Amino acid sequence: MLANPYQRYRQVTVETASVAELVVLLYRRAVQLLEESEEAIAVADVPRAHARLVHTQEIVAELMASVNLEAGELAHQLWSIYDYVQRRLIEANVRKDATIVREVRQFLTSLLEAWEQVAAQERAANAAAARLAAT
């Protein structure tokens, strides 16, 4: 049992989230980590920048692993995008280059916005279905 109410809330959020909502959570965390790595690079805090970039790479690796490549061309394109992001993250980490980090952050922010729309549409469809089932 989790004593911290915030930890319990986060656990329940993850356990009850749809796939789209979980993807949104991953994107939000990745964007946050990239913001933190930009800040760390700006003040030459190399260990902090490295840790944040590696954590972001782990998140992108999870996103890559979740892509069902049998789902068609769109899935292959998404996997290719994640592969590109991974390579840029590695380059940013090796060079400690805030410009590359910013590029990746902006890219992931765009994808986050798209996934937020998917999650919102999914919630609306589920709410409509629940209303119909209740009548």
C-alpha atoms as a PDB file:
ATOM      1  CA  MET A   1       0.000   0.000   0.000  1.00  0.00           C
ATOM      2  CA  LEU A   2       1.291   3.427  -0.933  1.00  0.00           C
ATOM      3  CA  ALA A   3       1.333   5.889   1.949  1.00  0.00           C
ATOM      4  CA  ASN A   4       1.792   8.996  -0.192  1.00  0.00           C
ATOM      5  CA  PRO A   5      -1.571  10.135  -1.621  1.00  0.00           C
ATOM      6  CA  TYR A   6       0.149  11.566  -4.710  1.00  0.00           C
ATOM      7  CA  GLN A   7       1.815   8.211  -5.440  1.00  0.00           C
ATOM      8  CA  ARG A   8      -1.526   6.449  -4.998  1.00  0.00           C
ATOM      9  CA  TYR A   9      -3.215   8.930  -7.345  1.00  0.00           C
ATOM     10  CA  ARG A  10      -0.506   8.365  -9.968  1.00  0.00           C
ATOM     11  CA  GLN A  11      -0.825   4.603  -9.607  1.00  0.00           C
ATOM     12  CA  VAL A  12      -4.604   4.708 -10.070  1.00  0.00           C
ATOM     13  CA  THR A  13      -4.219   7.080 -13.032  1.00  0.00           C
ATOM     14  CA  VAL A  14      -1.882   4.665 -14.790  1.00  0.00           C
ATOM     15  CA  GLU A  15      -3.925   1.580 -13.911  1.00  0.00           C
ATOM     16  CA  THR A  16      -7.160   3.065 -15.273  1.00  0.00           C
ATOM     17  CA  ALA A  17      -5.764   4.893 -18.315  1.00  0.00           C
ATOM     18  CA  SER A  18      -6.436   3.877 -21.893  1.00  0.00           C
ATOM     19  CA  VAL A  19      -3.550   3.147 -24.238  1.00  0.00           C
ATOM     20  CA  ALA A  20      -3.818   6.640 -25.735  1.00  0.00           C
ATOM     21  CA  GLU A  21      -3.797   8.202 -22.268  1.00  0.00           C
ATOM     22  CA  LEU A  22      -0.704   6.181 -21.317  1.00  0.00           C
ATOM     23  CA  VAL A  23       1.042   7.386 -24.459  1.00  0.00           C
ATOM     24  CA  VAL A  24       0.122  10.965 -23.516  1.00  0.00           C
ATOM     25  CA  LEU A  25       1.630  10.439 -20.049  1.00  0.00           C
ATOM     26  CA  LEU A  26       4.853   9.158 -21.611  1.00  0.00           C
ATOM     27  CA  TYR A  27       5.061  12.092 -24.003  1.00  0.00           C
ATOM     28  CA  ARG A  28       4.428  14.592 -21.211  1.00  0.00           C
ATOM     29  CA  ARG A  29       7.205  13.086 -19.119  1.00  0.00           C
ATOM     30  CA  ALA A  30       9.589  13.054 -22.091  1.00  0.00           C
ATOM     31  CA  VAL A  31       8.907  16.727 -22.816  1.00  0.00           C
ATOM     32  CA  GLN A  32       9.420  17.593 -19.146  1.00  0.00           C
ATOM     33  CA  LEU A  33      12.733  15.703 -19.081  1.00  0.00           C
ATOM     34  CA  LEU A  34      13.891  17.505 -22.207  1.00  0.00           C
ATOM     35  CA  GLU A  35      13.062  20.872 -20.645  1.00  0.00           C
ATOM     36  CA  GLU A  36      15.099  19.853 -17.603  1.00  0.00           C
ATOM     37  CA  SER A  37      17.999  18.684 -19.770  1.00  0.00           C
ATOM     38  CA  GLU A  38      18.004  22.020 -21.635  1.00  0.00           C
ATOM     39  CA  GLU A  39      18.219  23.809 -18.297  1.00  0.00           C
ATOM     40  CA  ALA A  40      21.025  21.510 -17.140  1.00  0.00           C
ATOM     41  CA  ILE A  41      23.006  22.067 -20.333  1.00  0.00           C
ATOM     42  CA  ALA A  42      22.576  25.828 -19.948  1.00  0.00           C
ATOM     43  CA  VAL A  43      24.280  25.735 -16.544  1.00  0.00           C
ATOM     44  CA  ALA A  44      26.834  23.065 -17.550  1.00  0.00           C
ATOM     45  CA  ASP A  45      25.353  20.454 -15.208  1.00  0.00           C
ATOM     46  CA  VAL A  46      26.554  17.533 -17.321  1.00  0.00           C
ATOM     47  CA  PRO A  47      25.481  14.669 -15.000  1.00  0.00           C
ATOM     48  CA  ARG A  48      21.931  16.043 -14.715  1.00  0.00           C
ATOM     49  CA  ALA A  49      21.670  16.653 -18.470  1.00  0.00           C
ATOM     50  CA  HIS A  50      22.955  13.145 -19.167  1.00  0.00           C
ATOM     51  CA  ALA A  51      20.499  11.535 -16.740  1.00  0.00           C
ATOM     52  CA  ARG A  52      17.520  13.418 -18.204  1.00  0.00           C
ATOM     53  CA  LEU A  53      18.488  12.593 -21.789  1.00  0.00           C
ATOM     54  CA  VAL A  54      18.999   8.906 -20.978  1.00  0.00           C
ATOM     55  CA  HIS A  55      15.611   8.783 -19.253  1.00  0.00           C
ATOM     56  CA  THR A  56      14.039  10.376 -22.327  1.00  0.00           C
ATOM     57  CA  GLN A  57      15.731   7.746 -24.508  1.00  0.00           C
ATOM     58  CA  GLU A  58      14.207   5.041 -22.307  1.00  0.00           C
ATOM     59  CA  ILE A  59      10.753   6.540 -22.783  1.00  0.00           C
ATOM     60  CA  VAL A  60      11.207   6.708 -26.554  1.00  0.00           C
ATOM     61  CA  ALA A  61      12.424   3.095 -26.526  1.00  0.00           C
ATOM     62  CA  GLU A  62       9.182   2.112 -24.766  1.00  0.00           C
ATOM     63  CA  LEU A  63       7.165   4.026 -27.342  1.00  0.00           C
ATOM     64  CA  MET A  64       9.080   2.235 -30.116  1.00  0.00           C
ATOM     65  CA  ALA A  65       8.423  -1.140 -28.514  1.00  0.00           C
ATOM     66  CA  SER A  66       4.706  -0.379 -28.355  1.00  0.00           C
ATOM     67  CA  VAL A  67       4.363   0.191 -32.102  1.00  0.00           C
ATOM     68  CA  ASN A  68       2.622  -2.707 -33.821  1.00  0.00           C
ATOM     69  CA  LEU A  69       4.519  -2.870 -37.102  1.00  0.00           C
ATOM     70  CA  GLU A  70       1.887  -5.225 -38.504  1.00  0.00           C
ATOM     71  CA  ALA A  71      -0.646  -2.377 -38.343  1.00  0.00           C
ATOM     72  CA  GLY A  72       0.491  -0.910 -41.653  1.00  0.00           C
ATOM     73  CA  GLU A  73       2.397   1.973 -43.162  1.00  0.00           C
ATOM     74  CA  LEU A  74       1.445   4.517 -40.502  1.00  0.00           C
ATOM     75  CA  ALA A  75       2.947   2.285 -37.816  1.00  0.00           C
ATOM     76  CA  HIS A  76       6.179   2.009 -39.802  1.00  0.00           C
ATOM     77  CA  GLN A  77       6.296   5.793 -40.194  1.00  0.00           C
ATOM     78  CA  LEU A  78       5.769   6.296 -36.462  1.00  0.00           C
ATOM     79  CA  TRP A  79       8.540   3.797 -35.673  1.00  0.00           C
ATOM     80  CA  SER A  80      10.843   5.651 -38.079  1.00  0.00           C
ATOM     81  CA  ILE A  81      10.058   8.925 -36.306  1.00  0.00           C
ATOM     82  CA  TYR A  82      10.925   7.353 -32.958  1.00  0.00           C
ATOM     83  CA  ASP A  83      14.147   5.980 -34.446  1.00  0.00           C
ATOM     84  CA  TYR A  84      15.088   9.456 -35.672  1.00  0.00           C
ATOM     85  CA  VAL A  85      14.305  10.939 -32.248  1.00  0.00           C
ATOM     86  CA  GLN A  86      16.495   8.306 -30.578  1.00  0.00           C
ATOM     87  CA  ARG A  87      19.431   9.119 -32.847  1.00  0.00           C
ATOM     88  CA  ARG A  88      19.028  12.846 -32.181  1.00  0.00           C
ATOM     89  CA  LEU A  89      18.853  12.234 -28.434  1.00  0.00           C
ATOM     90  CA  ILE A  90      22.095  10.270 -28.568  1.00  0.00           C
ATOM     91  CA  GLU A  91      23.726  13.061 -30.540  1.00  0.00           C
ATOM     92  CA  ALA A  92      22.404  15.688 -28.125  1.00  0.00           C
ATOM     93  CA  ASN A  93      23.748  13.714 -25.192  1.00  0.00           C
ATOM     94  CA  VAL A  94      27.191  13.174 -26.711  1.00  0.00           C
ATOM     95  CA  ARG A  95      27.516  16.856 -27.641  1.00  0.00           C
ATOM     96  CA  LYS A  96      25.454  18.260 -24.755  1.00  0.00           C
ATOM     97  CA  ASP A  97      23.785  20.357 -27.432  1.00  0.00           C
ATOM     98  CA  ALA A  98      20.748  22.321 -26.248  1.00  0.00           C
ATOM     99  CA  THR A  99      19.775  23.150 -29.842  1.00  0.00           C
ATOM    100  CA  ILE A 100      19.261  19.473 -30.641  1.00  0.00           C
ATOM    101  CA  VAL A 101      17.415  18.967 -27.346  1.00  0.00           C
ATOM    102  CA  ARG A 102      15.105  21.871 -28.229  1.00  0.00           C
ATOM    103  CA  GLU A 103      14.489  20.410 -31.705  1.00  0.00           C
ATOM    104  CA  VAL A 104      13.537  17.035 -30.216  1.00  0.00           C
ATOM    105  CA  ARG A 105      11.388  18.667 -27.528  1.00  0.00           C
ATOM    106  CA  GLN A 106       9.451  20.652 -30.133  1.00  0.00           C
ATOM    107  CA  PHE A 107       9.028  17.522 -32.239  1.00  0.00           C
ATOM    108  CA  LEU A 108       7.750  15.488 -29.292  1.00  0.00           C
ATOM    109  CA  THR A 109       5.481  18.355 -28.236  1.00  0.00           C
ATOM    110  CA  SER A 110       3.810  18.218 -31.657  1.00  0.00           C
ATOM    111  CA  LEU A 111       3.326  14.471 -31.319  1.00  0.00           C
ATOM    112  CA  LEU A 112       2.019  14.977 -27.774  1.00  0.00           C
ATOM    113  CA  GLU A 113      -0.622  17.378 -29.058  1.00  0.00           C
ATOM    114  CA  ALA A 114      -1.736  14.839 -31.653  1.00  0.00           C
ATOM    115  CA  TRP A 115      -1.963  12.080 -29.029  1.00  0.00           C
ATOM    116  CA  GLU A 116      -3.888  14.389 -26.696  1.00  0.00           C
ATOM    117  CA  GLN A 117      -6.468  14.813 -29.474  1.00  0.00           C
ATOM    118  CA  VAL A 118      -6.665  11.036 -29.935  1.00  0.00           C
ATOM    119  CA  ALA A 119      -7.144  10.535 -26.186  1.00  0.00           C
ATOM    120  CA  ALA A 120      -9.819  13.256 -26.060  1.00  0.00           C
ATOM    121  CA  GLN A 121     -11.705  11.705 -28.973  1.00  0.00           C
ATOM    122  CA  GLU A 122     -11.453   8.305 -27.310  1.00  0.00           C
ATOM    123  CA  ARG A 123     -12.840   9.717 -24.027  1.00  0.00           C
ATOM    124  CA  ALA A 124     -15.711  11.413 -25.887  1.00  0.00           C
ATOM    125  CA  ALA A 125     -16.571   8.206 -27.729  1.00  0.00           C
ATOM    126  CA  ASN A 126     -16.482   6.213 -24.497  1.00  0.00           C
ATOM    127  CA  ALA A 127     -18.680   8.786 -22.731  1.00  0.00           C
ATOM    128  CA  ALA A 128     -21.194   8.678 -25.584  1.00  0.00           C
ATOM    129  CA  ALA A 129     -21.229   4.883 -25.493  1.00  0.00           C
ATOM    130  CA  ALA A 130     -21.754   4.923 -21.723  1.00  0.00           C
ATOM    131  CA  ARG A 131     -24.685   7.343 -22.098  1.00  0.00           C
ATOM    132  CA  LEU A 132     -26.258   5.098 -24.726  1.00  0.00           C
ATOM    133  CA  ALA A 133     -25.770   2.028 -22.562  1.00  0.00           C
ATOM    134  CA  ALA A 134     -27.389   3.804 -19.610  1.00  0.00           C
ATOM    135  CA  THR A 135     -30.577   4.543 -21.565  1.00  0.00           C
END
